[in-house]
């Protein structure tokens, strides 16, 4: 599925509803693989592996925590930006949500894995929004986010020996 603009329905960092109208880029795709849900989840949900499948990521490491889980923080260098992804939710082997915020960008990523008769599917749902003075560019961000997401999903297909189904 292509990136699209969506009106923000997320909450602010202090869990208060956002009151101003904000738009962001949204990308969602699903990959089917013969690998088990547990194997897929353990690999994709551990953001230390990002650089192996997302060509926009040049480095990724765990900077807080001993293992993937709620509260784990990953330091990621992506497209020249340094981001700290905080794990907000982690339910093995089905779903994890991570968020990264900097002065100029916010990324909100959810990975959902479902077991199937022949293996599993993994859905990568990513929201990206520009912040501060850069927020005026949010309406056109979706045009570029498609390309970024497509390259990441191609890498996911490669490492999971899978194929995109949505």
C-alpha atoms as a PDB file:
ATOM      1  CA  UNK A   1       0.000   0.000   0.000  1.00  0.00           C
ATOM      2  CA  UNK A   2       1.315   3.435  -0.805  1.00  0.00           C
ATOM      3  CA  UNK A   3       2.159   6.115   1.700  1.00  0.00           C
ATOM      4  CA  UNK A   4      -0.665   8.474   2.386  1.00  0.00           C
ATOM      5  CA  UNK A   5      -1.305  11.570   4.393  1.00  0.00           C
ATOM      6  CA  UNK A   6      -3.392  11.200   7.488  1.00  0.00           C
ATOM      7  CA  UNK A   7      -4.684  13.625  10.010  1.00  0.00           C
ATOM      8  CA  UNK A   8      -2.896  13.006  13.272  1.00  0.00           C
ATOM      9  CA  UNK A   9      -4.802  10.987  15.817  1.00  0.00           C
ATOM     10  CA  UNK A  10      -1.779  10.263  17.973  1.00  0.00           C
ATOM     11  CA  UNK A  11      -1.196  11.799  21.340  1.00  0.00           C
ATOM     12  CA  UNK A  12       1.625  14.058  22.410  1.00  0.00           C
ATOM     13  CA  UNK A  13       4.522  12.836  24.497  1.00  0.00           C
ATOM     14  CA  UNK A  14       2.580  13.624  27.677  1.00  0.00           C
ATOM     15  CA  UNK A  15      -0.380  11.549  26.377  1.00  0.00           C
ATOM     16  CA  UNK A  16      -2.598  14.558  25.790  1.00  0.00           C
ATOM     17  CA  UNK A  17      -4.539  14.652  22.513  1.00  0.00           C
ATOM     18  CA  UNK A  18      -2.952  16.860  19.906  1.00  0.00           C
ATOM     19  CA  UNK A  19      -5.140  19.865  19.368  1.00  0.00           C
ATOM     20  CA  UNK A  20      -3.780  21.341  16.161  1.00  0.00           C
ATOM     21  CA  UNK A  21      -4.381  19.796  12.770  1.00  0.00           C
ATOM     22  CA  UNK A  22      -1.244  17.971  11.686  1.00  0.00           C
ATOM     23  CA  UNK A  23      -0.629  15.813   8.664  1.00  0.00           C
ATOM     24  CA  UNK A  24       1.935  13.091   8.311  1.00  0.00           C
ATOM     25  CA  UNK A  25       3.147  10.445   5.901  1.00  0.00           C
ATOM     26  CA  UNK A  26       1.857   6.909   6.502  1.00  0.00           C
ATOM     27  CA  UNK A  27       3.281   3.760   4.936  1.00  0.00           C
ATOM     28  CA  UNK A  28       1.987   0.233   5.425  1.00  0.00           C
ATOM     29  CA  UNK A  29       3.021  -3.033   3.786  1.00  0.00           C
ATOM     30  CA  UNK A  30       2.696  -6.753   4.487  1.00  0.00           C
ATOM     31  CA  UNK A  31       5.227  -9.470   3.675  1.00  0.00           C
ATOM     32  CA  UNK A  32       4.410 -13.182   3.658  1.00  0.00           C
ATOM     33  CA  UNK A  33       7.111 -15.721   4.545  1.00  0.00           C
ATOM     34  CA  UNK A  34       7.447 -19.404   5.351  1.00  0.00           C
ATOM     35  CA  UNK A  35       9.359 -18.540   8.528  1.00  0.00           C
ATOM     36  CA  UNK A  36       7.531 -18.944  11.845  1.00  0.00           C
ATOM     37  CA  UNK A  37       5.864 -15.996  13.545  1.00  0.00           C
ATOM     38  CA  UNK A  38       8.294 -16.280  16.470  1.00  0.00           C
ATOM     39  CA  UNK A  39      11.368 -16.227  14.227  1.00  0.00           C
ATOM     40  CA  UNK A  40      10.067 -13.277  12.195  1.00  0.00           C
ATOM     41  CA  UNK A  41       8.997 -11.302  15.242  1.00  0.00           C
ATOM     42  CA  UNK A  42      12.267 -11.861  17.100  1.00  0.00           C
ATOM     43  CA  UNK A  43      14.234 -10.635  14.080  1.00  0.00           C
ATOM     44  CA  UNK A  44      12.138  -7.655  12.915  1.00  0.00           C
ATOM     45  CA  UNK A  45      11.136  -6.393  16.389  1.00  0.00           C
ATOM     46  CA  UNK A  46      14.803  -6.194  17.397  1.00  0.00           C
ATOM     47  CA  UNK A  47      15.732  -2.868  15.816  1.00  0.00           C
ATOM     48  CA  UNK A  48      19.455  -3.734  16.030  1.00  0.00           C
ATOM     49  CA  UNK A  49      18.694  -5.639  12.802  1.00  0.00           C
ATOM     50  CA  UNK A  50      17.368  -2.581  10.933  1.00  0.00           C
ATOM     51  CA  UNK A  51      20.570  -1.964   9.025  1.00  0.00           C
ATOM     52  CA  UNK A  52      20.401  -5.510   7.613  1.00  0.00           C
ATOM     53  CA  UNK A  53      17.087  -4.901   5.850  1.00  0.00           C
ATOM     54  CA  UNK A  54      16.495  -1.135   5.658  1.00  0.00           C
ATOM     55  CA  UNK A  55      18.992   0.456   3.244  1.00  0.00           C
ATOM     56  CA  UNK A  56      18.245   3.902   4.697  1.00  0.00           C
ATOM     57  CA  UNK A  57      19.738   2.809   8.033  1.00  0.00           C
ATOM     58  CA  UNK A  58      23.530   2.941   8.351  1.00  0.00           C
ATOM     59  CA  UNK A  59      23.751   1.845  11.997  1.00  0.00           C
ATOM     60  CA  UNK A  60      21.521   0.552  14.781  1.00  0.00           C
ATOM     61  CA  UNK A  61      22.379  -0.492  18.315  1.00  0.00           C
ATOM     62  CA  UNK A  62      20.617  -1.105  21.619  1.00  0.00           C
ATOM     63  CA  UNK A  63      21.452   1.835  23.871  1.00  0.00           C
ATOM     64  CA  UNK A  64      19.181   1.039  26.828  1.00  0.00           C
ATOM     65  CA  UNK A  65      17.983  -2.361  27.996  1.00  0.00           C
ATOM     66  CA  UNK A  66      19.359  -5.877  27.876  1.00  0.00           C
ATOM     67  CA  UNK A  67      16.897  -7.369  25.388  1.00  0.00           C
ATOM     68  CA  UNK A  68      13.993  -6.243  23.214  1.00  0.00           C
ATOM     69  CA  UNK A  69      10.959  -5.206  25.270  1.00  0.00           C
ATOM     70  CA  UNK A  70       9.029  -2.224  26.602  1.00  0.00           C
ATOM     71  CA  UNK A  71      11.429   0.569  27.477  1.00  0.00           C
ATOM     72  CA  UNK A  72      14.287  -0.704  25.311  1.00  0.00           C
ATOM     73  CA  UNK A  73      15.943   2.117  23.387  1.00  0.00           C
ATOM     74  CA  UNK A  74      17.701   1.714  20.037  1.00  0.00           C
ATOM     75  CA  UNK A  75      20.108   4.328  18.660  1.00  0.00           C
ATOM     76  CA  UNK A  76      19.576   4.467  14.907  1.00  0.00           C
ATOM     77  CA  UNK A  77      21.321   6.482  12.218  1.00  0.00           C
ATOM     78  CA  UNK A  78      18.939   6.778   9.276  1.00  0.00           C
ATOM     79  CA  UNK A  79      19.329   8.998   6.232  1.00  0.00           C
ATOM     80  CA  UNK A  80      21.901  11.082   8.082  1.00  0.00           C
ATOM     81  CA  UNK A  81      19.750  11.618  11.183  1.00  0.00           C
ATOM     82  CA  UNK A  82      20.441  10.188  14.626  1.00  0.00           C
ATOM     83  CA  UNK A  83      17.271   8.890  16.278  1.00  0.00           C
ATOM     84  CA  UNK A  84      16.558   7.086  19.532  1.00  0.00           C
ATOM     85  CA  UNK A  85      13.700   4.618  19.084  1.00  0.00           C
ATOM     86  CA  UNK A  86      11.896   3.828  22.335  1.00  0.00           C
ATOM     87  CA  UNK A  87       9.888   0.593  22.533  1.00  0.00           C
ATOM     88  CA  UNK A  88       6.400   1.614  23.659  1.00  0.00           C
ATOM     89  CA  UNK A  89       4.683  -1.782  23.323  1.00  0.00           C
ATOM     90  CA  UNK A  90       6.028  -5.315  22.979  1.00  0.00           C
ATOM     91  CA  UNK A  91       3.849  -8.431  22.845  1.00  0.00           C
ATOM     92  CA  UNK A  92       5.878 -11.367  21.627  1.00  0.00           C
ATOM     93  CA  UNK A  93       5.315 -12.804  19.031  1.00  0.00           C
ATOM     94  CA  UNK A  94       2.569 -10.574  17.662  1.00  0.00           C
ATOM     95  CA  UNK A  95       3.221  -6.836  17.928  1.00  0.00           C
ATOM     96  CA  UNK A  96       5.672  -4.125  18.873  1.00  0.00           C
ATOM     97  CA  UNK A  97       5.540  -0.348  18.596  1.00  0.00           C
ATOM     98  CA  UNK A  98       8.499   1.999  18.656  1.00  0.00           C
ATOM     99  CA  UNK A  99       8.722   5.766  18.503  1.00  0.00           C
ATOM    100  CA  UNK A 100      11.588   8.115  17.747  1.00  0.00           C
ATOM    101  CA  UNK A 101      11.453  11.860  18.164  1.00  0.00           C
ATOM    102  CA  UNK A 102      13.935  14.578  17.440  1.00  0.00           C
ATOM    103  CA  UNK A 103      13.567  18.309  17.127  1.00  0.00           C
ATOM    104  CA  UNK A 104      12.572  17.982  13.466  1.00  0.00           C
ATOM    105  CA  UNK A 105      11.076  14.513  12.962  1.00  0.00           C
ATOM    106  CA  UNK A 106       8.847  11.958  14.643  1.00  0.00           C
ATOM    107  CA  UNK A 107       8.682   8.318  13.563  1.00  0.00           C
ATOM    108  CA  UNK A 108       6.067   5.907  14.908  1.00  0.00           C
ATOM    109  CA  UNK A 109       6.497   2.302  13.767  1.00  0.00           C
ATOM    110  CA  UNK A 110       4.319  -0.724  14.505  1.00  0.00           C
ATOM    111  CA  UNK A 111       5.281  -4.262  13.509  1.00  0.00           C
ATOM    112  CA  UNK A 112       2.517  -6.877  13.582  1.00  0.00           C
ATOM    113  CA  UNK A 113       3.209 -10.560  12.963  1.00  0.00           C
ATOM    114  CA  UNK A 114       0.528 -13.202  12.372  1.00  0.00           C
ATOM    115  CA  UNK A 115       1.032 -16.956  12.122  1.00  0.00           C
ATOM    116  CA  UNK A 116      -0.364 -18.568   8.979  1.00  0.00           C
ATOM    117  CA  UNK A 117      -0.714 -22.174   7.860  1.00  0.00           C
ATOM    118  CA  UNK A 118       2.428 -21.828   5.745  1.00  0.00           C
ATOM    119  CA  UNK A 119       4.503 -19.571   8.029  1.00  0.00           C
ATOM    120  CA  UNK A 120       3.623 -15.987   8.891  1.00  0.00           C
ATOM    121  CA  UNK A 121       2.925 -12.477   7.684  1.00  0.00           C
ATOM    122  CA  UNK A 122       4.570  -9.324   8.969  1.00  0.00           C
ATOM    123  CA  UNK A 123       2.931  -5.936   8.576  1.00  0.00           C
ATOM    124  CA  UNK A 124       5.112  -2.873   8.869  1.00  0.00           C
ATOM    125  CA  UNK A 125       3.109   0.264   9.633  1.00  0.00           C
ATOM    126  CA  UNK A 126       5.164   3.455   9.764  1.00  0.00           C
ATOM    127  CA  UNK A 127       4.156   7.045  10.351  1.00  0.00           C
ATOM    128  CA  UNK A 128       6.586   9.879   9.787  1.00  0.00           C
ATOM    129  CA  UNK A 129       5.997  13.528  10.510  1.00  0.00           C
ATOM    130  CA  UNK A 130       8.156  16.574  10.352  1.00  0.00           C
ATOM    131  CA  UNK A 131       8.161  18.833  13.381  1.00  0.00           C
ATOM    132  CA  UNK A 132       9.039  22.410  14.264  1.00  0.00           C
ATOM    133  CA  UNK A 133       9.409  24.758  11.286  1.00  0.00           C
ATOM    134  CA  UNK A 134       9.820  21.728   8.983  1.00  0.00           C
ATOM    135  CA  UNK A 135       6.190  20.715   9.681  1.00  0.00           C
ATOM    136  CA  UNK A 136       5.043  22.894   6.786  1.00  0.00           C
ATOM    137  CA  UNK A 137       6.499  20.215   4.481  1.00  0.00           C
ATOM    138  CA  UNK A 138       4.370  17.379   5.920  1.00  0.00           C
ATOM    139  CA  UNK A 139       1.797  17.494   3.096  1.00  0.00           C
ATOM    140  CA  UNK A 140       4.470  16.544   0.521  1.00  0.00           C
ATOM    141  CA  UNK A 141       6.421  14.138   2.743  1.00  0.00           C
ATOM    142  CA  UNK A 142       4.272  11.190   1.620  1.00  0.00           C
ATOM    143  CA  UNK A 143       5.685  11.479  -1.902  1.00  0.00           C
ATOM    144  CA  UNK A 144       9.176  10.642  -0.630  1.00  0.00           C
ATOM    145  CA  UNK A 145       8.106   8.268   2.128  1.00  0.00           C
ATOM    146  CA  UNK A 146       6.772   5.793  -0.470  1.00  0.00           C
ATOM    147  CA  UNK A 147      10.275   5.305  -1.876  1.00  0.00           C
ATOM    148  CA  UNK A 148      11.844   4.972   1.559  1.00  0.00           C
ATOM    149  CA  UNK A 149       9.224   2.417   2.644  1.00  0.00           C
ATOM    150  CA  UNK A 150       9.415   0.423  -0.586  1.00  0.00           C
ATOM    151  CA  UNK A 151      13.191   0.017  -0.242  1.00  0.00           C
ATOM    152  CA  UNK A 152      12.817  -1.131   3.378  1.00  0.00           C
ATOM    153  CA  UNK A 153      10.127  -3.660   2.442  1.00  0.00           C
ATOM    154  CA  UNK A 154      12.283  -4.990  -0.405  1.00  0.00           C
ATOM    155  CA  UNK A 155      15.005  -5.578   2.182  1.00  0.00           C
ATOM    156  CA  UNK A 156      12.500  -7.250   4.493  1.00  0.00           C
ATOM    157  CA  UNK A 157      11.431  -9.555   1.653  1.00  0.00           C
ATOM    158  CA  UNK A 158      15.085 -10.447   1.074  1.00  0.00           C
ATOM    159  CA  UNK A 159      16.005 -11.245   4.705  1.00  0.00           C
ATOM    160  CA  UNK A 160      12.761 -13.140   5.358  1.00  0.00           C
ATOM    161  CA  UNK A 161      12.840 -14.940   2.003  1.00  0.00           C
ATOM    162  CA  UNK A 162       9.309 -13.656   1.571  1.00  0.00           C
ATOM    163  CA  UNK A 163       7.104 -11.740  -0.811  1.00  0.00           C
ATOM    164  CA  UNK A 164       5.040  -8.612  -0.468  1.00  0.00           C
ATOM    165  CA  UNK A 165       1.318  -9.296  -0.417  1.00  0.00           C
ATOM    166  CA  UNK A 166       0.065  -5.792   0.369  1.00  0.00           C
END
